[in-house]
Amino acid sequence: MTGDPTATPERGGPAQQERPGRIDAVPVRHPLRWLAVGAISVLVAMFVHLLVTNPAFNWPFVLEITFSAPVLRGLAVGTLFVTLLAMVVGIVMGVLLAVMRLSPNPVLSTVSFVFVWFFRAVPRLVLLTIMGTMGVVFRDGLALGVPFDQQIMGLLGLDGDWRFLTLDANQIFMGVTGGAIGLGLSEAAYMAEIARAGILSVDKGQTEAAEALGMDRGSTMRRIVLPQAMRVIVPPTGNEIISMVKDTSLLIGLPLTTELFFQLRTIGSRTFQIFPVLVSACLWYLAVCSLLMIGQYYLERYFNRGFGTRRAPVGQREEAPA
């Protein structure tokens, strides 16, 4: 005979498990966290006090030169425009080099590797300085045509040459054009590795499926692989654009006078206000790079849409709550 399951200890039955009562949870205290907040607040207050009271900043002069005509022209031409041209050259060549690097053709793969190896190894300031002295190498101009044409024509007993175009090296490798070419070639080496990583991140089954549908290699790359690789390519590309904005300050190696930092340094040398012009340069670079960071955020969100989500199986529906 079994005992009464509802019996209580007072009635002599087995003890029934009682439901737990209300738990008075005590929050965990973090004294070190509040200590860190206090220390950071003190440091921020000290920094603000330094900005406001220290006469070395000379804020009226900073505001005056920040929006002066030479500085704005240097910002538009030497910083923003050169960044745009260099990134166009870098992205287009980088994607092309990445495709060449992954090509089964050993010649294309080797050429891509050598290009990336060279331009990743040479510092950009050194590269731009070399670009500024290319007029010494091409004293007679940059000739496009058949090499050793004069020797060949001499052996044939003929006069003339096989050059169809001769360009002035100083006009090509100096100024805005030289800056865009130098920075663009350097950027292409980095973009090639970024694009290659993005292409390799796409599952090979996508390529195999495209080949099964009869698509050639070029169409598969343009319509299948690259659109999916953009999710991996966009974040580091945004970082490269931000870095390119800052690296335009290296155009002093050409030298390029219509550039933001060059103009500010010129004003500082003329007025003996060195520190305020550096503050003005920091403000402009902070403003431009902050806008680019915002644009990068929305661009990443656009290319990441739908990634990581799983569609519910066909026929499966969520039940409405009762």
C-alpha atoms as a PDB file:
ATOM      1  CA  MET A   1       0.000   0.000   0.000  1.00  0.00           C
ATOM      2  CA  THR A   2       1.480   3.292  -1.044  1.00  0.00           C
ATOM      3  CA  GLY A   3       1.473   6.346   1.127  1.00  0.00           C
ATOM      4  CA  ASP A   4      -0.529   9.493   0.485  1.00  0.00           C
ATOM      5  CA  PRO A   5       1.554  11.661  -1.923  1.00  0.00           C
ATOM      6  CA  THR A   6      -0.164  14.771  -0.645  1.00  0.00           C
ATOM      7  CA  ALA A   7       0.746  14.119   2.946  1.00  0.00           C
ATOM      8  CA  THR A   8       2.781  16.735   4.777  1.00  0.00           C
ATOM      9  CA  PRO A   9       5.446  16.182   7.433  1.00  0.00           C
ATOM     10  CA  GLU A  10       2.918  17.135  10.130  1.00  0.00           C
ATOM     11  CA  ARG A  11       0.608  14.320   8.973  1.00  0.00           C
ATOM     12  CA  GLY A  12       3.420  11.824   9.080  1.00  0.00           C
ATOM     13  CA  GLY A  13       3.772  11.454   5.305  1.00  0.00           C
ATOM     14  CA  PRO A  14       6.928  11.920   3.232  1.00  0.00           C
ATOM     15  CA  ALA A  15       8.208  15.461   2.910  1.00  0.00           C
ATOM     16  CA  GLN A  16       7.052  17.105  -0.337  1.00  0.00           C
ATOM     17  CA  GLN A  17       9.619  19.158  -2.227  1.00  0.00           C
ATOM     18  CA  GLU A  18       8.810  22.786  -1.627  1.00  0.00           C
ATOM     19  CA  ARG A  19       8.960  25.378  -4.416  1.00  0.00           C
ATOM     20  CA  PRO A  20      11.776  27.884  -3.955  1.00  0.00           C
ATOM     21  CA  GLY A  21      10.752  31.277  -2.726  1.00  0.00           C
ATOM     22  CA  ARG A  22      11.694  34.691  -4.069  1.00  0.00           C
ATOM     23  CA  ILE A  23      15.393  35.156  -4.696  1.00  0.00           C
ATOM     24  CA  ASP A  24      16.804  38.484  -3.618  1.00  0.00           C
ATOM     25  CA  ALA A  25      19.693  38.736  -6.097  1.00  0.00           C
ATOM     26  CA  VAL A  26      22.426  41.189  -5.176  1.00  0.00           C
ATOM     27  CA  PRO A  27      24.087  42.790  -8.237  1.00  0.00           C
ATOM     28  CA  VAL A  28      27.787  42.238  -8.576  1.00  0.00           C
ATOM     29  CA  ARG A  29      29.738  45.342  -7.762  1.00  0.00           C
ATOM     30  CA  HIS A  30      32.585  46.490 -10.002  1.00  0.00           C
ATOM     31  CA  PRO A  31      34.702  48.949  -8.051  1.00  0.00           C
ATOM     32  CA  LEU A  32      37.548  48.809 -10.592  1.00  0.00           C
ATOM     33  CA  ARG A  33      35.146  49.754 -13.383  1.00  0.00           C
ATOM     34  CA  TRP A  34      34.089  52.910 -11.587  1.00  0.00           C
ATOM     35  CA  LEU A  35      37.737  53.646 -10.798  1.00  0.00           C
ATOM     36  CA  ALA A  36      38.550  53.392 -14.521  1.00  0.00           C
ATOM     37  CA  VAL A  37      35.620  55.674 -15.393  1.00  0.00           C
ATOM     38  CA  GLY A  38      36.846  58.231 -12.885  1.00  0.00           C
ATOM     39  CA  ALA A  39      40.417  58.103 -14.197  1.00  0.00           C
ATOM     40  CA  ILE A  40      39.252  58.476 -17.813  1.00  0.00           C
ATOM     41  CA  SER A  41      37.006  61.396 -16.863  1.00  0.00           C
ATOM     42  CA  VAL A  42      39.946  63.162 -15.234  1.00  0.00           C
ATOM     43  CA  LEU A  43      42.130  62.597 -18.322  1.00  0.00           C
ATOM     44  CA  VAL A  44      39.395  63.898 -20.647  1.00  0.00           C
ATOM     45  CA  ALA A  45      38.932  66.984 -18.478  1.00  0.00           C
ATOM     46  CA  MET A  46      42.700  67.596 -18.520  1.00  0.00           C
ATOM     47  CA  PHE A  47      42.757  67.261 -22.323  1.00  0.00           C
ATOM     48  CA  VAL A  48      39.854  69.693 -22.775  1.00  0.00           C
ATOM     49  CA  HIS A  49      41.538  72.138 -20.396  1.00  0.00           C
ATOM     50  CA  LEU A  50      44.715  71.847 -22.467  1.00  0.00           C
ATOM     51  CA  LEU A  51      42.854  72.581 -25.697  1.00  0.00           C
ATOM     52  CA  VAL A  52      41.055  75.586 -24.269  1.00  0.00           C
ATOM     53  CA  THR A  53      43.735  77.278 -22.191  1.00  0.00           C
ATOM     54  CA  ASN A  54      47.053  76.488 -23.876  1.00  0.00           C
ATOM     55  CA  PRO A  55      48.068  79.389 -26.161  1.00  0.00           C
ATOM     56  CA  ALA A  56      50.152  77.085 -28.378  1.00  0.00           C
ATOM     57  CA  PHE A  57      47.010  75.961 -30.203  1.00  0.00           C
ATOM     58  CA  ASN A  58      46.138  79.519 -31.278  1.00  0.00           C
ATOM     59  CA  TRP A  59      42.594  78.603 -32.344  1.00  0.00           C
ATOM     60  CA  PRO A  60      41.806  81.887 -34.168  1.00  0.00           C
ATOM     61  CA  PHE A  61      44.815  81.339 -36.427  1.00  0.00           C
ATOM     62  CA  VAL A  62      43.880  77.649 -36.893  1.00  0.00           C
ATOM     63  CA  LEU A  63      40.389  78.594 -38.076  1.00  0.00           C
ATOM     64  CA  GLU A  64      41.801  81.260 -40.367  1.00  0.00           C
ATOM     65  CA  ILE A  65      44.218  78.984 -42.213  1.00  0.00           C
ATOM     66  CA  THR A  66      41.917  75.944 -42.223  1.00  0.00           C
ATOM     67  CA  PHE A  67      39.491  77.615 -44.605  1.00  0.00           C
ATOM     68  CA  SER A  68      41.997  79.675 -46.573  1.00  0.00           C
ATOM     69  CA  ALA A  69      41.957  79.389 -50.365  1.00  0.00           C
ATOM     70  CA  PRO A  70      45.368  77.649 -50.835  1.00  0.00           C
ATOM     71  CA  VAL A  71      44.518  75.028 -48.207  1.00  0.00           C
ATOM     72  CA  LEU A  72      41.092  74.317 -49.696  1.00  0.00           C
ATOM     73  CA  ARG A  73      42.619  74.007 -53.173  1.00  0.00           C
ATOM     74  CA  GLY A  74      45.263  71.637 -51.840  1.00  0.00           C
ATOM     75  CA  LEU A  75      42.544  69.589 -50.140  1.00  0.00           C
ATOM     76  CA  ALA A  76      40.482  69.357 -53.344  1.00  0.00           C
ATOM     77  CA  VAL A  77      43.317  68.670 -55.798  1.00  0.00           C
ATOM     78  CA  GLY A  78      46.201  67.031 -54.002  1.00  0.00           C
ATOM     79  CA  THR A  79      44.246  65.098 -51.381  1.00  0.00           C
ATOM     80  CA  LEU A  80      40.775  64.197 -52.641  1.00  0.00           C
ATOM     81  CA  PHE A  81      41.335  64.178 -56.407  1.00  0.00           C
ATOM     82  CA  VAL A  82      44.627  62.272 -56.233  1.00  0.00           C
ATOM     83  CA  THR A  83      43.040  59.802 -53.809  1.00  0.00           C
ATOM     84  CA  LEU A  84      40.206  59.214 -56.270  1.00  0.00           C
ATOM     85  CA  LEU A  85      42.535  58.687 -59.253  1.00  0.00           C
ATOM     86  CA  ALA A  86      44.956  56.501 -57.295  1.00  0.00           C
ATOM     87  CA  MET A  87      42.176  54.264 -55.959  1.00  0.00           C
ATOM     88  CA  VAL A  88      40.651  53.862 -59.422  1.00  0.00           C
ATOM     89  CA  VAL A  89      44.048  52.793 -60.771  1.00  0.00           C
ATOM     90  CA  GLY A  90      44.696  50.591 -57.744  1.00  0.00           C
ATOM     91  CA  ILE A  91      41.326  48.823 -57.718  1.00  0.00           C
ATOM     92  CA  VAL A  92      41.194  48.160 -61.462  1.00  0.00           C
ATOM     93  CA  MET A  93      44.777  46.935 -61.639  1.00  0.00           C
ATOM     94  CA  GLY A  94      44.436  45.058 -58.354  1.00  0.00           C
ATOM     95  CA  VAL A  95      41.474  43.000 -59.553  1.00  0.00           C
ATOM     96  CA  LEU A  96      43.256  42.317 -62.840  1.00  0.00           C
ATOM     97  CA  LEU A  97      46.419  41.226 -61.024  1.00  0.00           C
ATOM     98  CA  ALA A  98      44.420  38.996 -58.678  1.00  0.00           C
ATOM     99  CA  VAL A  99      42.795  37.225 -61.630  1.00  0.00           C
ATOM    100  CA  MET A 100      46.210  36.864 -63.266  1.00  0.00           C
ATOM    101  CA  ARG A 101      47.687  35.458 -60.049  1.00  0.00           C
ATOM    102  CA  LEU A 102      44.980  32.781 -59.911  1.00  0.00           C
ATOM    103  CA  SER A 103      45.287  31.993 -63.602  1.00  0.00           C
ATOM    104  CA  PRO A 104      46.584  28.547 -64.600  1.00  0.00           C
ATOM    105  CA  ASN A 105      48.841  30.332 -67.114  1.00  0.00           C
ATOM    106  CA  PRO A 106      52.319  30.392 -65.496  1.00  0.00           C
ATOM    107  CA  VAL A 107      53.380  33.538 -67.392  1.00  0.00           C
ATOM    108  CA  LEU A 108      50.423  35.597 -66.129  1.00  0.00           C
ATOM    109  CA  SER A 109      50.810  34.229 -62.614  1.00  0.00           C
ATOM    110  CA  THR A 110      54.538  35.034 -62.528  1.00  0.00           C
ATOM    111  CA  VAL A 111      54.087  38.570 -63.872  1.00  0.00           C
ATOM    112  CA  SER A 112      51.436  39.257 -61.242  1.00  0.00           C
ATOM    113  CA  PHE A 113      53.635  37.883 -58.470  1.00  0.00           C
ATOM    114  CA  VAL A 114      56.649  39.996 -59.502  1.00  0.00           C
ATOM    115  CA  PHE A 115      54.542  43.165 -59.707  1.00  0.00           C
ATOM    116  CA  VAL A 116      53.034  42.607 -56.247  1.00  0.00           C
ATOM    117  CA  TRP A 117      56.417  41.677 -54.790  1.00  0.00           C
ATOM    118  CA  PHE A 118      58.107  44.845 -56.068  1.00  0.00           C
ATOM    119  CA  PHE A 119      55.487  47.449 -55.213  1.00  0.00           C
ATOM    120  CA  ARG A 120      54.745  45.986 -51.792  1.00  0.00           C
ATOM    121  CA  ALA A 121      58.441  46.091 -50.922  1.00  0.00           C
ATOM    122  CA  VAL A 122      59.208  49.682 -51.976  1.00  0.00           C
ATOM    123  CA  PRO A 123      57.998  52.383 -49.532  1.00  0.00           C
ATOM    124  CA  ARG A 124      55.604  54.881 -51.051  1.00  0.00           C
ATOM    125  CA  LEU A 125      57.717  57.902 -50.180  1.00  0.00           C
ATOM    126  CA  VAL A 126      60.702  56.320 -51.939  1.00  0.00           C
ATOM    127  CA  LEU A 127      58.514  55.387 -54.896  1.00  0.00           C
ATOM    128  CA  LEU A 128      57.113  58.903 -55.238  1.00  0.00           C
ATOM    129  CA  THR A 129      60.595  60.401 -54.963  1.00  0.00           C
ATOM    130  CA  ILE A 130      61.753  58.110 -57.766  1.00  0.00           C
ATOM    131  CA  MET A 131      58.733  59.150 -59.835  1.00  0.00           C
ATOM    132  CA  GLY A 132      59.778  62.777 -59.444  1.00  0.00           C
ATOM    133  CA  THR A 133      63.229  62.040 -60.914  1.00  0.00           C
ATOM    134  CA  MET A 134      62.109  59.924 -63.886  1.00  0.00           C
ATOM    135  CA  GLY A 135      62.902  62.853 -66.174  1.00  0.00           C
ATOM    136  CA  VAL A 136      66.574  61.965 -65.690  1.00  0.00           C
ATOM    137  CA  VAL A 137      65.946  58.449 -67.011  1.00  0.00           C
ATOM    138  CA  PHE A 138      63.887  59.560 -70.004  1.00  0.00           C
ATOM    139  CA  ARG A 139      65.823  62.622 -71.113  1.00  0.00           C
ATOM    140  CA  ASP A 140      64.598  62.290 -74.695  1.00  0.00           C
ATOM    141  CA  GLY A 141      61.051  61.536 -73.652  1.00  0.00           C
ATOM    142  CA  LEU A 142      59.152  58.339 -72.972  1.00  0.00           C
ATOM    143  CA  ALA A 143      59.035  56.618 -76.363  1.00  0.00           C
ATOM    144  CA  LEU A 144      56.449  53.974 -77.151  1.00  0.00           C
ATOM    145  CA  GLY A 145      57.292  51.583 -79.952  1.00  0.00           C
ATOM    146  CA  VAL A 146      59.597  48.739 -80.933  1.00  0.00           C
ATOM    147  CA  PRO A 147      62.710  48.532 -78.706  1.00  0.00           C
ATOM    148  CA  PHE A 148      66.174  48.634 -80.320  1.00  0.00           C
ATOM    149  CA  ASP A 149      64.516  50.189 -83.353  1.00  0.00           C
ATOM    150  CA  GLN A 150      67.528  52.304 -84.292  1.00  0.00           C
ATOM    151  CA  GLN A 151      69.877  49.307 -84.182  1.00  0.00           C
ATOM    152  CA  ILE A 152      67.480  47.256 -86.289  1.00  0.00           C
ATOM    153  CA  MET A 153      67.035  50.071 -88.799  1.00  0.00           C
ATOM    154  CA  GLY A 154      70.827  50.465 -88.974  1.00  0.00           C
ATOM    155  CA  LEU A 155      71.318  46.798 -89.739  1.00  0.00           C
ATOM    156  CA  LEU A 156      68.743  47.087 -92.517  1.00  0.00           C
ATOM    157  CA  GLY A 157      70.415  50.191 -93.897  1.00  0.00           C
ATOM    158  CA  LEU A 158      67.337  52.333 -93.342  1.00  0.00           C
ATOM    159  CA  ASP A 159      66.759  55.676 -91.639  1.00  0.00           C
ATOM    160  CA  GLY A 160      64.059  56.469 -89.108  1.00  0.00           C
ATOM    161  CA  ASP A 161      62.612  54.627 -86.167  1.00  0.00           C
ATOM    162  CA  TRP A 162      59.619  52.535 -85.164  1.00  0.00           C
ATOM    163  CA  ARG A 163      58.380  54.812 -82.410  1.00  0.00           C
ATOM    164  CA  PHE A 164      54.752  55.819 -82.827  1.00  0.00           C
ATOM    165  CA  LEU A 165      54.469  58.040 -79.727  1.00  0.00           C
ATOM    166  CA  THR A 166      56.879  60.032 -77.558  1.00  0.00           C
ATOM    167  CA  LEU A 167      55.680  61.571 -74.290  1.00  0.00           C
ATOM    168  CA  ASP A 168      57.284  64.166 -72.044  1.00  0.00           C
ATOM    169  CA  ALA A 169      58.403  62.283 -68.943  1.00  0.00           C
ATOM    170  CA  ASN A 170      58.298  65.381 -66.747  1.00  0.00           C
ATOM    171  CA  GLN A 171      54.645  65.962 -67.534  1.00  0.00           C
ATOM    172  CA  ILE A 172      53.726  62.334 -66.882  1.00  0.00           C
ATOM    173  CA  PHE A 173      55.673  61.656 -63.711  1.00  0.00           C
ATOM    174  CA  MET A 174      55.295  65.070 -62.067  1.00  0.00           C
ATOM    175  CA  GLY A 175      52.310  66.818 -60.548  1.00  0.00           C
ATOM    176  CA  VAL A 176      48.898  65.250 -60.128  1.00  0.00           C
ATOM    177  CA  THR A 177      49.469  62.641 -62.845  1.00  0.00           C
ATOM    178  CA  GLY A 178      52.690  61.391 -61.299  1.00  0.00           C
ATOM    179  CA  GLY A 179      51.139  61.272 -57.840  1.00  0.00           C
ATOM    180  CA  ALA A 180      48.143  59.301 -59.072  1.00  0.00           C
ATOM    181  CA  ILE A 181      50.355  56.870 -61.008  1.00  0.00           C
ATOM    182  CA  GLY A 182      52.815  56.336 -58.154  1.00  0.00           C
ATOM    183  CA  LEU A 183      50.194  55.848 -55.449  1.00  0.00           C
ATOM    184  CA  GLY A 184      47.975  53.853 -57.811  1.00  0.00           C
ATOM    185  CA  LEU A 185      50.700  51.366 -58.708  1.00  0.00           C
ATOM    186  CA  SER A 186      51.569  50.898 -55.049  1.00  0.00           C
ATOM    187  CA  GLU A 187      47.911  50.483 -54.150  1.00  0.00           C
ATOM    188  CA  ALA A 188      47.388  47.947 -56.940  1.00  0.00           C
ATOM    189  CA  ALA A 189      49.818  45.579 -55.234  1.00  0.00           C
ATOM    190  CA  TYR A 190      47.804  45.642 -52.008  1.00  0.00           C
ATOM    191  CA  MET A 191      44.446  45.509 -53.772  1.00  0.00           C
ATOM    192  CA  ALA A 192      45.645  42.453 -55.696  1.00  0.00           C
ATOM    193  CA  GLU A 193      46.096  40.546 -52.444  1.00  0.00           C
ATOM    194  CA  ILE A 194      42.760  41.798 -51.101  1.00  0.00           C
ATOM    195  CA  ALA A 195      40.921  40.790 -54.275  1.00  0.00           C
ATOM    196  CA  ARG A 196      42.682  37.437 -54.346  1.00  0.00           C
ATOM    197  CA  ALA A 197      41.576  36.713 -50.779  1.00  0.00           C
ATOM    198  CA  GLY A 198      38.008  37.679 -51.684  1.00  0.00           C
ATOM    199  CA  ILE A 199      37.989  35.439 -54.752  1.00  0.00           C
ATOM    200  CA  LEU A 200      39.369  32.498 -52.795  1.00  0.00           C
ATOM    201  CA  SER A 201      36.662  32.979 -50.140  1.00  0.00           C
ATOM    202  CA  VAL A 202      33.958  32.031 -52.664  1.00  0.00           C
ATOM    203  CA  ASP A 203      33.127  28.345 -52.571  1.00  0.00           C
ATOM    204  CA  LYS A 204      34.474  26.410 -55.563  1.00  0.00           C
ATOM    205  CA  GLY A 205      31.056  24.873 -56.025  1.00  0.00           C
ATOM    206  CA  GLN A 206      29.848  28.235 -57.337  1.00  0.00           C
ATOM    207  CA  THR A 207      32.417  28.112 -60.125  1.00  0.00           C
ATOM    208  CA  GLU A 208      31.674  24.484 -60.882  1.00  0.00           C
ATOM    209  CA  ALA A 209      27.953  25.216 -61.089  1.00  0.00           C
ATOM    210  CA  ALA A 210      28.602  28.108 -63.475  1.00  0.00           C
ATOM    211  CA  GLU A 211      30.792  25.906 -65.664  1.00  0.00           C
ATOM    212  CA  ALA A 212      28.074  23.259 -65.675  1.00  0.00           C
ATOM    213  CA  LEU A 213      25.690  25.896 -67.051  1.00  0.00           C
ATOM    214  CA  GLY A 214      28.106  26.621 -69.896  1.00  0.00           C
ATOM    215  CA  MET A 215      29.520  29.952 -68.641  1.00  0.00           C
ATOM    216  CA  ASP A 216      33.071  30.795 -69.632  1.00  0.00           C
ATOM    217  CA  ARG A 217      35.764  31.843 -67.149  1.00  0.00           C
ATOM    218  CA  GLY A 218      35.313  35.590 -67.707  1.00  0.00           C
ATOM    219  CA  SER A 219      31.540  35.519 -67.285  1.00  0.00           C
ATOM    220  CA  THR A 220      31.854  33.334 -64.192  1.00  0.00           C
ATOM    221  CA  MET A 221      34.294  35.780 -62.634  1.00  0.00           C
ATOM    222  CA  ARG A 222      32.187  38.865 -63.414  1.00  0.00           C
ATOM    223  CA  ARG A 223      28.722  37.521 -62.659  1.00  0.00           C
ATOM    224  CA  ILE A 224      29.263  34.814 -60.030  1.00  0.00           C
ATOM    225  CA  VAL A 225      32.560  35.093 -58.159  1.00  0.00           C
ATOM    226  CA  LEU A 226      33.242  38.827 -57.819  1.00  0.00           C
ATOM    227  CA  PRO A 227      29.731  39.778 -56.588  1.00  0.00           C
ATOM    228  CA  GLN A 228      30.033  37.207 -53.799  1.00  0.00           C
ATOM    229  CA  ALA A 229      33.626  38.188 -53.049  1.00  0.00           C
ATOM    230  CA  MET A 230      32.635  41.815 -52.451  1.00  0.00           C
ATOM    231  CA  ARG A 231      31.592  40.969 -48.900  1.00  0.00           C
ATOM    232  CA  VAL A 232      35.232  40.132 -48.155  1.00  0.00           C
ATOM    233  CA  ILE A 233      36.788  42.766 -50.417  1.00  0.00           C
ATOM    234  CA  VAL A 234      34.854  45.867 -49.261  1.00  0.00           C
ATOM    235  CA  PRO A 235      36.084  46.191 -45.615  1.00  0.00           C
ATOM    236  CA  PRO A 236      39.836  46.164 -46.371  1.00  0.00           C
ATOM    237  CA  THR A 237      39.242  48.303 -49.468  1.00  0.00           C
ATOM    238  CA  GLY A 238      37.592  50.930 -47.274  1.00  0.00           C
ATOM    239  CA  ASN A 239      40.631  50.841 -45.016  1.00  0.00           C
ATOM    240  CA  GLU A 240      42.884  51.274 -48.047  1.00  0.00           C
ATOM    241  CA  ILE A 241      40.930  54.340 -49.178  1.00  0.00           C
ATOM    242  CA  ILE A 242      41.297  55.910 -45.738  1.00  0.00           C
ATOM    243  CA  SER A 243      45.006  55.112 -45.760  1.00  0.00           C
ATOM    244  CA  MET A 244      45.327  56.616 -49.240  1.00  0.00           C
ATOM    245  CA  VAL A 245      43.858  59.921 -48.026  1.00  0.00           C
ATOM    246  CA  LYS A 246      46.592  60.087 -45.396  1.00  0.00           C
ATOM    247  CA  ASP A 247      49.321  58.900 -47.753  1.00  0.00           C
ATOM    248  CA  THR A 248      48.710  61.854 -50.068  1.00  0.00           C
ATOM    249  CA  SER A 249      50.829  63.801 -47.595  1.00  0.00           C
ATOM    250  CA  LEU A 250      53.764  61.829 -49.057  1.00  0.00           C
ATOM    251  CA  LEU A 251      53.326  63.646 -52.374  1.00  0.00           C
ATOM    252  CA  ILE A 252      55.915  66.066 -51.086  1.00  0.00           C
ATOM    253  CA  GLY A 253      58.397  63.566 -52.527  1.00  0.00           C
ATOM    254  CA  LEU A 254      57.446  64.533 -56.116  1.00  0.00           C
ATOM    255  CA  PRO A 255      57.001  67.384 -55.035  1.00  0.00           C
ATOM    256  CA  LEU A 256      53.342  68.347 -55.558  1.00  0.00           C
ATOM    257  CA  THR A 257      52.567  71.856 -54.343  1.00  0.00           C
ATOM    258  CA  THR A 258      48.771  71.700 -54.673  1.00  0.00           C
ATOM    259  CA  GLU A 259      48.400  69.351 -51.721  1.00  0.00           C
ATOM    260  CA  LEU A 260      46.860  69.933 -48.294  1.00  0.00           C
ATOM    261  CA  PHE A 261      49.819  69.202 -46.044  1.00  0.00           C
ATOM    262  CA  PHE A 262      52.298  70.956 -48.363  1.00  0.00           C
ATOM    263  CA  GLN A 263      50.217  74.134 -48.287  1.00  0.00           C
ATOM    264  CA  LEU A 264      49.864  74.024 -44.508  1.00  0.00           C
ATOM    265  CA  ARG A 265      53.583  73.483 -44.020  1.00  0.00           C
ATOM    266  CA  THR A 266      54.277  76.408 -46.328  1.00  0.00           C
ATOM    267  CA  ILE A 267      52.007  78.634 -44.232  1.00  0.00           C
ATOM    268  CA  GLY A 268      53.714  77.420 -41.064  1.00  0.00           C
ATOM    269  CA  SER A 269      57.181  78.165 -42.440  1.00  0.00           C
ATOM    270  CA  ARG A 270      56.107  81.628 -43.549  1.00  0.00           C
ATOM    271  CA  THR A 271      54.334  82.606 -40.308  1.00  0.00           C
ATOM    272  CA  PHE A 272      56.484  80.601 -37.849  1.00  0.00           C
ATOM    273  CA  GLN A 273      53.271  79.038 -36.515  1.00  0.00           C
ATOM    274  CA  ILE A 274      54.309  75.411 -36.839  1.00  0.00           C
ATOM    275  CA  PHE A 275      52.053  73.774 -34.275  1.00  0.00           C
ATOM    276  CA  PRO A 276      48.767  75.444 -35.302  1.00  0.00           C
ATOM    277  CA  VAL A 277      49.191  74.313 -38.916  1.00  0.00           C
ATOM    278  CA  LEU A 278      49.673  70.743 -37.699  1.00  0.00           C
ATOM    279  CA  VAL A 279      46.444  71.049 -35.727  1.00  0.00           C
ATOM    280  CA  SER A 280      44.682  72.287 -38.863  1.00  0.00           C
ATOM    281  CA  ALA A 281      46.015  69.300 -40.832  1.00  0.00           C
ATOM    282  CA  CYS A 282      44.752  66.903 -38.178  1.00  0.00           C
ATOM    283  CA  LEU A 283      41.300  68.502 -38.274  1.00  0.00           C
ATOM    284  CA  TRP A 284      41.013  68.115 -42.051  1.00  0.00           C
ATOM    285  CA  TYR A 285      42.240  64.516 -42.064  1.00  0.00           C
ATOM    286  CA  LEU A 286      39.891  63.666 -39.193  1.00  0.00           C
ATOM    287  CA  ALA A 287      36.928  65.199 -41.022  1.00  0.00           C
ATOM    288  CA  VAL A 288      37.599  63.485 -44.362  1.00  0.00           C
ATOM    289  CA  CYS A 289      38.408  60.087 -42.868  1.00  0.00           C
ATOM    290  CA  SER A 290      35.349  60.212 -40.586  1.00  0.00           C
ATOM    291  CA  LEU A 291      33.081  60.717 -43.600  1.00  0.00           C
ATOM    292  CA  LEU A 292      34.774  57.818 -45.372  1.00  0.00           C
ATOM    293  CA  MET A 293      34.304  55.598 -42.309  1.00  0.00           C
ATOM    294  CA  ILE A 294      30.576  56.361 -42.315  1.00  0.00           C
ATOM    295  CA  GLY A 295      30.357  55.525 -46.002  1.00  0.00           C
ATOM    296  CA  GLN A 296      32.310  52.310 -45.427  1.00  0.00           C
ATOM    297  CA  TYR A 297      29.856  51.267 -42.696  1.00  0.00           C
ATOM    298  CA  TYR A 298      26.818  51.591 -44.962  1.00  0.00           C
ATOM    299  CA  LEU A 299      28.624  49.944 -47.873  1.00  0.00           C
ATOM    300  CA  GLU A 300      29.567  46.959 -45.728  1.00  0.00           C
ATOM    301  CA  ARG A 301      26.006  46.665 -44.496  1.00  0.00           C
ATOM    302  CA  TYR A 302      24.778  46.691 -48.099  1.00  0.00           C
ATOM    303  CA  PHE A 303      27.048  43.857 -49.223  1.00  0.00           C
ATOM    304  CA  ASN A 304      26.448  41.854 -46.022  1.00  0.00           C
ATOM    305  CA  ARG A 305      22.681  41.824 -46.441  1.00  0.00           C
ATOM    306  CA  GLY A 306      21.311  38.298 -46.310  1.00  0.00           C
ATOM    307  CA  PHE A 307      24.635  36.782 -45.227  1.00  0.00           C
ATOM    308  CA  GLY A 308      24.356  34.418 -42.292  1.00  0.00           C
ATOM    309  CA  THR A 309      20.561  34.169 -42.445  1.00  0.00           C
ATOM    310  CA  ARG A 310      18.887  30.831 -43.022  1.00  0.00           C
ATOM    311  CA  ARG A 311      15.639  30.485 -44.885  1.00  0.00           C
ATOM    312  CA  ALA A 312      13.014  28.307 -43.223  1.00  0.00           C
ATOM    313  CA  PRO A 313      12.313  24.978 -44.968  1.00  0.00           C
ATOM    314  CA  VAL A 314       9.406  24.848 -47.376  1.00  0.00           C
ATOM    315  CA  GLY A 315       6.166  24.131 -45.568  1.00  0.00           C
ATOM    316  CA  GLN A 316       7.502  25.135 -42.166  1.00  0.00           C
ATOM    317  CA  ARG A 317       5.628  28.075 -40.675  1.00  0.00           C
ATOM    318  CA  GLU A 318       5.884  29.700 -37.321  1.00  0.00           C
ATOM    319  CA  GLU A 319       2.882  29.011 -35.142  1.00  0.00           C
ATOM    320  CA  ALA A 320       1.043  32.019 -33.906  1.00  0.00           C
ATOM    321  CA  PRO A 321       1.234  32.438 -30.117  1.00  0.00           C
ATOM    322  CA  ALA A 322      -1.856  31.323 -28.278  1.00  0.00           C
END
